[in-house]
Protein backbone atom coordinates (compact mmCIF):
# COMPACT_ATOMS: atom_id res chain seq x y z
CA MET A 1 153.67 279.71 244.41
CA LYS A 2 157.29 278.56 244.43
CA ILE A 3 159.00 275.60 242.79
CA ALA A 4 161.07 273.44 245.15
CA ARG A 5 164.77 273.18 244.32
CA LYS A 6 165.77 271.31 247.50
CA CYS A 7 164.19 268.71 249.76
CA VAL A 8 161.66 270.31 252.11
CA CYS A 9 162.56 267.83 254.88
CA CYS A 10 166.36 267.51 254.90
CA ASP A 11 167.38 270.32 252.52
CA GLY A 12 169.14 267.81 250.27
CA GLY A 13 169.77 268.73 246.66
CA ASP A 14 169.83 265.21 245.16
CA LEU A 15 166.37 265.25 243.58
CA ALA A 16 164.98 262.91 240.91
CA ARG A 17 162.26 264.56 238.84
CA ASN A 18 159.46 263.30 236.59
CA PRO A 19 156.41 265.00 235.02
CA ALA A 20 152.98 264.63 236.62
CA VAL A 21 149.60 266.40 236.74
CA LEU A 22 147.85 268.41 239.43
CA ALA A 23 144.36 267.23 240.40
CA PRO A 24 141.74 269.35 238.58
CA PHE A 25 139.96 270.11 241.87
CA VAL A 26 143.14 271.49 243.46
CA ALA A 27 144.06 273.47 240.34
CA ASN A 28 140.59 275.00 240.28
CA ARG A 29 140.37 275.78 243.98
CA VAL A 30 143.86 277.30 244.19
CA PHE A 31 144.29 278.96 240.80
CA GLY A 32 140.83 278.99 239.19
CA TRP A 33 142.12 276.72 236.39
CA GLU A 34 139.95 274.25 234.46
CA PRO A 35 141.00 271.27 232.32
CA ALA A 36 140.88 272.04 228.60
CA GLU A 37 139.94 269.92 225.59
CA VAL A 38 142.43 270.74 222.83
CA THR A 39 140.77 270.13 219.45
CA SER A 40 141.60 270.79 215.83
CA ALA A 41 139.45 273.94 216.10
CA TRP A 42 142.20 275.49 218.21
CA GLY A 43 144.40 275.59 215.11
CA LEU A 44 147.60 274.75 216.99
CA ARG A 45 150.60 273.64 215.00
CA ASP A 46 152.92 272.07 217.60
CA ILE A 47 150.48 270.90 220.30
CA GLY A 48 148.57 267.64 219.90
CA GLU A 49 144.87 267.18 220.52
CA GLY A 50 143.53 265.75 223.79
CA ARG A 51 142.62 266.58 227.37
CA ALA A 52 144.99 269.14 228.92
CA TYR A 53 145.57 269.20 232.68
CA SER A 54 147.79 271.35 234.88
CA VAL A 55 151.33 270.01 234.71
CA CYS A 56 153.76 269.70 237.62
CA ASN A 57 156.65 267.48 238.70
CA SER A 58 157.12 264.63 241.15
CA LEU A 59 160.35 264.92 243.14
CA VAL A 60 162.08 262.29 245.26
CA CYS A 61 164.96 263.11 247.61
CA GLY A 62 167.95 260.85 247.21
CA ASP A 63 169.00 261.55 250.81
CA CYS A 64 165.89 260.97 252.96
CA GLY A 65 163.46 259.45 250.45
CA LEU A 66 160.73 262.10 250.72
CA ILE A 67 158.45 262.13 247.67
CA PHE A 68 156.88 265.54 247.08
CA LEU A 69 155.22 267.89 244.63
CA ASP A 70 157.49 270.55 243.19
CA MET A 71 154.75 273.21 243.55
CA ARG A 72 154.95 274.86 247.00
CA PHE A 73 151.79 276.91 247.59
CA ASP A 74 152.10 280.27 249.36
CA ASP A 75 149.86 281.49 252.21
CA GLU A 76 147.24 282.99 249.90
CA GLU A 77 147.01 279.81 247.84
CA MET A 78 146.82 277.60 250.96
CA SER A 79 144.01 279.81 252.23
CA ALA A 80 142.15 279.43 248.93
CA LEU A 81 142.43 275.66 249.19
CA TYR A 82 141.62 275.17 252.89
CA THR A 83 139.39 278.03 254.10
CA ARG A 84 136.00 276.51 255.01
CA TYR A 85 137.59 273.11 254.47
CA ARG A 86 134.95 270.45 253.72
CA GLY A 87 132.26 273.13 253.91
CA ALA A 88 129.42 273.50 251.38
CA ASP A 89 131.40 275.38 248.71
CA TYR A 90 134.43 273.10 249.07
CA CYS A 91 132.28 269.97 248.76
CA ALA A 92 130.27 271.26 245.79
CA THR A 93 133.43 272.07 243.83
CA ARG A 94 135.08 268.77 244.70
CA GLU A 95 131.94 266.78 243.87
CA ARG A 96 131.94 268.40 240.43
CA PHE A 97 135.45 267.12 239.70
CA GLU A 98 135.26 263.94 241.80
CA PRO A 99 131.72 262.48 241.80
CA GLY A 100 131.06 260.56 245.00
CA TYR A 101 133.18 262.78 247.22
CA ALA A 102 130.18 264.19 249.13
CA ALA A 103 129.28 260.74 250.47
CA ARG A 104 132.85 260.13 251.63
CA ASN A 105 132.98 263.58 253.22
CA ALA A 106 129.86 262.77 255.24
CA LEU A 107 131.75 259.80 256.74
CA LEU A 108 134.82 261.93 257.45
CA GLN A 109 132.74 264.54 259.27
CA GLN A 110 131.61 261.88 261.76
CA GLY A 111 135.19 261.48 262.99
CA ALA A 112 137.89 258.86 262.48
CA PRO A 113 136.94 255.48 264.01
CA TYR A 114 140.58 254.60 264.72
CA ILE A 115 141.16 257.30 267.37
CA PRO A 116 141.06 254.71 270.22
CA VAL A 117 144.13 253.06 268.65
CA ILE A 118 146.00 256.36 268.81
CA GLU A 119 144.85 256.99 272.37
CA GLU A 120 146.24 253.61 273.41
CA PHE A 121 149.54 254.57 271.76
CA LEU A 122 149.67 257.92 273.61
CA THR A 123 148.30 257.10 277.07
CA PRO A 124 151.45 255.56 278.64
CA HIS A 125 153.39 258.77 278.00
CA LEU A 126 150.92 261.38 279.31
CA THR A 127 149.26 262.63 282.47
CA THR A 128 145.70 261.54 283.27
CA GLN A 129 144.13 264.86 282.22
CA PRO A 130 146.46 266.47 279.69
CA ARG A 131 146.17 269.99 278.36
CA ILE A 132 145.97 269.50 274.58
CA LEU A 133 146.54 271.69 271.53
CA ASP A 134 145.38 270.24 268.20
CA TRP A 135 147.26 272.22 265.52
CA GLY A 136 145.41 271.98 262.21
CA GLY A 137 142.68 270.03 264.01
CA ASP A 138 139.74 271.38 261.94
CA THR A 139 136.72 271.06 264.28
CA GLY A 140 138.60 269.08 266.93
CA VAL A 141 136.48 265.98 266.32
CA ASN A 142 139.57 263.78 265.84
CA THR A 143 141.67 265.10 268.74
CA PRO A 144 142.88 262.06 270.69
CA LEU A 145 142.14 262.01 274.44
CA ARG A 146 139.79 265.00 274.14
CA GLY A 147 137.24 263.21 276.33
CA ARG A 148 139.51 263.50 279.37
CA ALA A 149 141.56 266.59 278.52
CA ALA A 150 141.90 269.38 281.09
CA ALA A 151 141.92 271.77 278.11
CA HIS A 152 141.17 271.14 274.43
CA HIS A 153 142.46 273.92 272.16
CA VAL A 154 142.31 273.91 268.36
CA TYR A 155 144.24 276.05 265.91
CA ASP A 156 143.11 275.80 262.27
CA ILE A 157 142.65 278.01 259.20
CA SER A 158 139.43 276.30 258.13
CA ASP A 159 137.09 278.50 260.26
CA GLN A 160 134.77 275.55 260.90
CA PRO A 161 132.81 275.52 264.21
CA THR A 162 134.53 273.37 266.84
CA VAL A 163 133.03 270.38 268.64
CA THR A 164 131.62 270.81 272.15
CA GLY A 165 134.40 271.28 274.67
CA ALA A 166 136.98 272.56 272.18
CA LEU A 167 138.19 276.16 272.17
CA ARG A 168 139.60 277.75 269.02
CA VAL A 169 142.83 279.68 269.66
CA GLU A 170 145.03 281.99 267.61
CA ARG A 171 148.74 281.57 266.89
CA GLU A 172 149.74 284.21 269.43
CA GLU A 173 147.85 282.46 272.23
CA VAL A 174 149.63 279.16 271.65
CA LEU A 175 153.00 280.47 272.82
CA ARG A 176 151.53 281.68 276.11
CA GLU A 177 150.03 278.30 277.03
CA ASN A 178 151.53 275.26 278.75
CA TYR A 179 150.50 272.10 276.93
CA ASP A 180 151.08 268.49 277.90
CA LEU A 181 150.29 267.28 274.37
CA ILE A 182 150.49 269.03 271.01
CA VAL A 183 148.80 267.13 268.20
CA LEU A 184 149.83 267.57 264.57
CA SER A 185 147.70 264.92 262.89
CA GLN A 186 147.17 264.60 259.13
CA VAL A 187 148.73 268.03 258.54
CA LEU A 188 152.35 267.68 257.38
CA GLU A 189 151.34 265.90 254.17
CA HIS A 190 149.38 269.04 253.15
CA VAL A 191 151.84 271.84 253.87
CA PRO A 192 154.50 273.47 251.65
CA ASP A 193 157.11 273.74 254.43
CA PRO A 194 156.92 270.91 257.00
CA ARG A 195 160.00 272.17 258.87
CA ALA A 196 158.47 275.60 259.41
CA ILE A 197 155.30 274.12 260.90
CA LEU A 198 157.25 271.84 263.24
CA ALA A 199 159.52 274.72 264.25
CA GLU A 200 156.47 276.77 265.31
CA LEU A 201 155.30 273.92 267.51
CA VAL A 202 158.76 273.34 268.99
CA ALA A 203 158.69 277.00 270.09
CA ALA A 204 155.46 276.28 271.98
CA MET A 205 156.79 273.17 273.74
CA ARG A 206 157.90 272.96 277.36
CA PRO A 207 160.06 270.25 278.99
CA GLN A 208 156.92 268.25 279.86
CA THR A 209 155.27 268.63 276.43
CA ARG A 210 154.88 265.67 274.12
CA LEU A 211 154.41 266.26 270.38
CA TYR A 212 152.28 263.77 268.45
CA VAL A 213 152.79 263.75 264.68
CA GLU A 214 150.63 261.58 262.43
CA VAL A 215 150.85 261.27 258.64
CA PRO A 216 149.36 258.84 256.14
CA HIS A 217 151.65 255.83 255.71
CA GLU A 218 150.85 255.56 252.04
CA ASP A 219 151.21 252.19 250.30
CA PHE A 220 153.28 254.07 247.76
CA VAL A 221 155.95 254.57 250.43
CA ARG A 222 155.18 251.76 252.89
CA LEU A 223 155.40 248.91 250.38
CA ARG A 224 158.00 250.23 247.97
CA GLY A 225 160.32 252.37 250.02
CA ALA A 226 161.00 255.73 248.42
CA GLY A 227 160.59 254.44 244.86
CA PRO A 228 161.33 256.43 241.71
CA ALA A 229 159.51 259.72 241.19
CA ALA A 230 158.15 258.25 237.95
CA LEU A 231 155.70 256.15 239.97
CA LYS A 232 153.87 259.23 241.26
CA ARG A 233 151.94 260.86 238.42
CA HIS A 234 148.99 262.61 240.10
CA TRP A 235 148.99 265.15 242.94
CA HIS A 236 146.06 266.14 245.13
CA GLU A 237 145.98 267.81 248.57
CA HIS A 238 148.74 265.58 249.89
CA VAL A 239 151.90 267.21 248.57
CA ASN A 240 154.41 265.26 250.72
CA PHE A 241 154.78 261.46 251.02
CA PHE A 242 156.97 260.73 254.04
CA THR A 243 159.36 257.86 254.56
CA GLN A 244 160.36 257.02 258.14
CA GLU A 245 163.85 258.33 257.35
CA ALA A 246 162.41 261.68 256.25
CA LEU A 247 160.37 261.97 259.46
CA ASP A 248 163.32 260.99 261.64
CA ARG A 249 165.52 263.63 260.03
CA LEU A 250 162.81 266.24 260.29
CA HIS A 251 162.46 265.67 264.03
CA ALA A 252 166.18 265.41 264.75
CA GLY A 253 166.93 268.60 262.82
CA LEU A 254 164.60 270.55 265.12
CA GLY A 255 165.98 269.22 268.39
CA LEU A 256 163.29 266.61 268.99
CA GLU A 257 163.86 263.21 270.58
CA ILE A 258 161.53 260.38 269.52
CA VAL A 259 159.76 258.68 272.43
CA ALA A 260 157.69 256.17 270.42
CA GLN A 261 156.73 255.50 266.81
CA ALA A 262 154.55 252.97 265.01
CA SER A 263 152.63 252.24 261.81
CA HIS A 264 148.92 251.55 262.44
CA GLU A 265 146.46 249.80 260.14
CA VAL A 266 143.23 251.84 260.29
CA VAL A 267 139.92 252.63 258.57
CA ALA A 268 139.21 256.24 257.58
CA GLY A 269 136.44 257.59 255.36
CA GLY A 270 135.20 254.05 254.83
CA ARG A 271 138.53 252.88 253.43
CA GLY A 272 141.37 250.81 254.81
CA ALA A 273 144.67 252.64 255.22
CA TYR A 274 147.79 253.00 257.35
CA VAL A 275 148.97 255.93 259.44
CA PHE A 276 152.45 256.52 260.85
CA SER A 277 152.63 257.89 264.39
CA ILE A 278 155.56 259.60 266.09
CA LEU A 279 155.58 260.85 269.68
CA SER A 280 158.50 263.10 270.58
CA GLN A 281 159.81 265.51 273.20
CA LEU A 282 162.46 268.21 273.40
CA LYS A 283 165.96 266.81 273.72
CA PRO A 284 167.31 267.39 277.27
């Protein structure tokens, strides 16, 4: 695990910093850590009594507005967190720390009800039967346009069985394929290095390929702009909160030209939310 010293979107060094805590579920799943109750029985001289959680820092970039966790998990730690994502072991551990999660997970497993909104956003820019790669698409249940795709490929580290019609592919296979649409939906908010993920997908794009990126448009960012880092005190699986400026810079820095973008009001997991959508292509 590394500690970020620069912005992971624009590489800026103007970072505001404030203390925060890491969600107990994430700390346990990644590091095996548990919260601790510090009592007088510990016999500590300089540490006060109370509930002790894993500390971290909230960072906000003064250049692009990205708000992010200073902890950047490595490959082994990401695997610990996301292997068999939303499977039995994952859900049991999360339910222990977050009672009620299992019921919400059952809703999430049924698929996102807002996919038709995304399909309407994408359809004008694609062929009738696109060849689709869903990068980080879990089971493929939320891949837009999968019902009329000429090919539906999924790359994901979760190892969950895919939905009917989807084919799981490995990294090496992706570069050999010709895709009309590459989907990167609800992924960038989870990853330690958003630029590296996008760069991998840019390498798999062809002149006709469209790249669809979707991230949560969190109220924290949507209603307040970037805001001070002091407003973000608790970190879970989402380690990056993107402003539109951060996303624009991320795309431009990798040679991508934005074709369309929009903020959509949606329902996911039984809750109202917003998602931000960007469709891009390689610059000529």
